[in-house]
């Protein structure tokens, strides 16, 4: 399920990803969910951005959270 986030002036994709998804390295998920706005570098105020649902870390088993060489 997706939620919407209203931007403030000057926000960038990586800032939204860090705030809403927990890390800026998930910015690609925001871009995929907002394909028509992918060319925006800095947002103006009050633009609605779709934010995909964040998978909870609690749903992963301890073995799944380890790197492959430690499993």
N, C-alpha and C. Protein backbone atom coordinates (compact mmCIF):
# COMPACT_ATOMS: atom_id res chain seq x y z
N UNK A 1 0.84 -1.17 0.00
CA UNK A 1 0.00 0.00 0.00
C UNK A 1 0.89 1.24 0.00
N UNK A 2 0.52 2.20 -0.78
CA UNK A 2 1.30 3.43 -0.88
C UNK A 2 0.65 4.53 -0.06
N UNK A 3 1.49 5.41 0.42
CA UNK A 3 1.00 6.61 1.09
C UNK A 3 1.51 7.81 0.32
N UNK A 4 0.98 8.96 0.60
CA UNK A 4 1.41 10.18 -0.06
C UNK A 4 2.14 11.07 0.93
N UNK A 5 3.10 11.80 0.42
CA UNK A 5 3.90 12.72 1.20
C UNK A 5 3.88 14.05 0.48
N UNK A 6 3.56 15.13 1.17
CA UNK A 6 3.58 16.46 0.58
C UNK A 6 4.92 17.11 0.87
N UNK A 7 5.57 17.56 -0.19
CA UNK A 7 6.91 18.12 -0.07
C UNK A 7 6.90 19.54 0.48
N UNK A 8 8.04 19.94 0.96
CA UNK A 8 8.29 21.34 1.28
C UNK A 8 9.31 21.84 0.27
N UNK A 9 9.38 23.12 0.10
CA UNK A 9 10.26 23.69 -0.92
C UNK A 9 11.71 23.33 -0.65
N UNK A 10 12.40 22.87 -1.70
CA UNK A 10 13.82 22.58 -1.62
C UNK A 10 14.17 21.12 -1.32
N UNK A 11 13.18 20.26 -1.08
CA UNK A 11 13.48 18.85 -0.81
C UNK A 11 13.93 18.15 -2.09
N UNK A 12 14.83 17.20 -1.95
CA UNK A 12 15.31 16.37 -3.06
C UNK A 12 14.88 14.92 -2.81
N UNK A 13 14.98 14.10 -3.84
CA UNK A 13 14.56 12.71 -3.74
C UNK A 13 15.27 11.96 -2.62
N UNK A 14 16.57 12.16 -2.49
CA UNK A 14 17.31 11.41 -1.47
C UNK A 14 16.88 11.81 -0.06
N UNK A 15 16.52 13.07 0.13
CA UNK A 15 16.05 13.52 1.45
C UNK A 15 14.71 12.88 1.79
N UNK A 16 13.83 12.80 0.81
CA UNK A 16 12.52 12.17 1.03
C UNK A 16 12.71 10.69 1.34
N UNK A 17 13.59 10.02 0.59
CA UNK A 17 13.84 8.60 0.83
C UNK A 17 14.39 8.36 2.23
N UNK A 18 15.33 9.20 2.66
CA UNK A 18 15.91 9.04 4.00
C UNK A 18 14.84 9.24 5.08
N UNK A 19 14.00 10.26 4.90
CA UNK A 19 12.98 10.57 5.90
C UNK A 19 11.85 9.53 5.93
N UNK A 20 11.39 9.11 4.75
CA UNK A 20 10.21 8.25 4.69
C UNK A 20 10.53 6.76 4.60
N UNK A 21 11.69 6.39 4.02
CA UNK A 21 12.02 4.98 3.83
C UNK A 21 13.19 4.53 4.69
N UNK A 22 13.82 5.46 5.41
CA UNK A 22 14.86 5.10 6.34
C UNK A 22 16.28 5.23 5.82
N UNK A 23 16.45 5.27 4.50
CA UNK A 23 17.78 5.40 3.92
C UNK A 23 17.68 6.02 2.53
N UNK A 24 18.66 6.82 2.19
CA UNK A 24 18.66 7.45 0.87
C UNK A 24 18.96 6.44 -0.24
N UNK A 25 19.44 5.26 0.10
CA UNK A 25 19.76 4.24 -0.88
C UNK A 25 18.51 3.56 -1.44
N UNK A 26 17.32 3.93 -0.94
CA UNK A 26 16.06 3.41 -1.47
C UNK A 26 15.35 4.45 -2.34
N UNK A 27 16.11 5.45 -2.78
CA UNK A 27 15.57 6.50 -3.62
C UNK A 27 14.97 5.94 -4.91
N UNK A 28 15.55 4.87 -5.44
CA UNK A 28 15.04 4.27 -6.67
C UNK A 28 13.59 3.80 -6.53
N UNK A 29 13.18 3.41 -5.32
CA UNK A 29 11.80 3.00 -5.09
C UNK A 29 10.85 4.18 -5.23
N UNK A 30 11.29 5.34 -4.74
CA UNK A 30 10.48 6.56 -4.90
C UNK A 30 10.36 6.94 -6.37
N UNK A 31 11.47 6.87 -7.09
CA UNK A 31 11.45 7.22 -8.50
C UNK A 31 10.53 6.28 -9.29
N UNK A 32 10.55 5.01 -8.97
CA UNK A 32 9.67 4.04 -9.65
C UNK A 32 8.20 4.33 -9.37
N UNK A 33 7.90 4.78 -8.17
CA UNK A 33 6.52 5.06 -7.79
C UNK A 33 6.04 6.42 -8.32
N UNK A 34 6.96 7.28 -8.74
CA UNK A 34 6.63 8.63 -9.21
C UNK A 34 7.31 8.90 -10.55
N UNK A 35 7.06 8.04 -11.51
CA UNK A 35 7.77 8.06 -12.78
C UNK A 35 7.66 9.40 -13.51
N UNK A 36 6.50 10.04 -13.44
CA UNK A 36 6.30 11.30 -14.16
C UNK A 36 7.10 12.45 -13.56
N UNK A 37 7.50 12.34 -12.32
CA UNK A 37 8.26 13.41 -11.65
C UNK A 37 9.75 13.10 -11.57
N UNK A 38 10.22 12.10 -12.27
CA UNK A 38 11.62 11.67 -12.14
C UNK A 38 12.62 12.73 -12.54
N UNK A 39 12.22 13.70 -13.35
CA UNK A 39 13.13 14.75 -13.78
C UNK A 39 13.28 15.90 -12.81
N UNK A 40 12.53 15.87 -11.72
CA UNK A 40 12.59 16.94 -10.73
C UNK A 40 13.84 16.77 -9.86
N UNK A 41 14.62 17.83 -9.74
CA UNK A 41 15.81 17.77 -8.89
C UNK A 41 15.46 18.25 -7.48
N UNK A 42 14.88 19.44 -7.38
CA UNK A 42 14.42 20.00 -6.10
C UNK A 42 12.94 20.31 -6.23
N UNK A 43 12.17 19.88 -5.25
CA UNK A 43 10.73 20.08 -5.29
C UNK A 43 10.35 21.48 -4.82
N UNK A 44 9.27 21.98 -5.39
CA UNK A 44 8.65 23.18 -4.84
C UNK A 44 7.73 22.71 -3.72
N UNK A 45 7.11 23.61 -3.04
CA UNK A 45 6.28 23.23 -1.90
C UNK A 45 4.97 22.59 -2.29
N UNK A 46 4.46 21.73 -1.43
CA UNK A 46 3.15 21.11 -1.50
C UNK A 46 2.93 20.27 -2.76
N UNK A 47 3.93 19.49 -3.15
CA UNK A 47 3.81 18.52 -4.24
C UNK A 47 3.59 17.15 -3.61
N UNK A 48 2.59 16.43 -4.11
CA UNK A 48 2.29 15.11 -3.56
C UNK A 48 3.20 14.06 -4.20
N UNK A 49 3.90 13.30 -3.37
CA UNK A 49 4.81 12.24 -3.81
C UNK A 49 4.30 10.92 -3.23
N UNK A 50 4.14 9.92 -4.09
CA UNK A 50 3.72 8.60 -3.62
C UNK A 50 4.91 7.90 -2.98
N UNK A 51 4.69 7.34 -1.80
CA UNK A 51 5.75 6.65 -1.06
C UNK A 51 5.34 5.18 -0.92
N UNK A 52 6.14 4.25 -1.48
CA UNK A 52 5.80 2.84 -1.36
C UNK A 52 5.90 2.36 0.08
N UNK A 53 5.20 1.28 0.36
CA UNK A 53 5.22 0.71 1.71
C UNK A 53 6.61 0.20 2.05
N UNK A 54 7.02 0.44 3.27
CA UNK A 54 8.33 0.02 3.74
C UNK A 54 8.21 -1.37 4.34
N UNK A 55 9.06 -2.29 3.87
CA UNK A 55 9.09 -3.63 4.45
C UNK A 55 9.71 -3.53 5.83
N UNK A 56 9.04 -4.08 6.80
CA UNK A 56 9.52 -4.02 8.17
C UNK A 56 10.71 -4.95 8.38
N UNK A 57 11.71 -4.47 9.08
CA UNK A 57 12.87 -5.31 9.41
C UNK A 57 12.47 -6.41 10.39
N UNK A 58 11.39 -6.20 11.14
CA UNK A 58 10.97 -7.19 12.13
C UNK A 58 10.44 -8.46 11.47
N UNK A 59 10.02 -8.40 10.19
CA UNK A 59 9.49 -9.58 9.52
C UNK A 59 10.60 -10.51 9.05
N UNK A 60 11.82 -10.04 9.01
CA UNK A 60 12.93 -10.89 8.59
C UNK A 60 13.42 -11.74 9.74
N UNK A 61 13.77 -12.97 9.41
CA UNK A 61 14.36 -13.83 10.43
C UNK A 61 15.80 -13.40 10.66
N UNK A 62 16.39 -13.75 11.80
CA UNK A 62 17.78 -13.36 12.05
C UNK A 62 18.74 -13.85 10.97
N UNK A 63 18.50 -15.04 10.42
CA UNK A 63 19.39 -15.57 9.38
C UNK A 63 19.30 -14.75 8.11
N UNK A 64 18.12 -14.23 7.78
CA UNK A 64 17.93 -13.43 6.57
C UNK A 64 18.61 -12.08 6.67
N UNK A 65 18.80 -11.57 7.87
CA UNK A 65 19.43 -10.27 8.03
C UNK A 65 20.96 -10.34 7.99
N UNK A 66 21.50 -11.57 8.03
CA UNK A 66 22.95 -11.74 7.94
C UNK A 66 23.40 -11.68 6.49
N UNK A 67 24.62 -11.24 6.25
CA UNK A 67 25.14 -11.30 4.88
C UNK A 67 25.28 -12.75 4.42
N UNK A 68 25.26 -13.01 3.12
CA UNK A 68 25.27 -14.40 2.63
C UNK A 68 26.42 -15.25 3.14
N UNK A 69 27.60 -14.67 3.32
CA UNK A 69 28.74 -15.47 3.75
C UNK A 69 28.67 -15.86 5.24
N UNK A 70 27.73 -15.29 6.00
CA UNK A 70 27.59 -15.66 7.40
C UNK A 70 26.38 -16.55 7.66
N UNK A 71 25.61 -16.86 6.64
CA UNK A 71 24.42 -17.69 6.82
C UNK A 71 24.77 -19.14 6.96
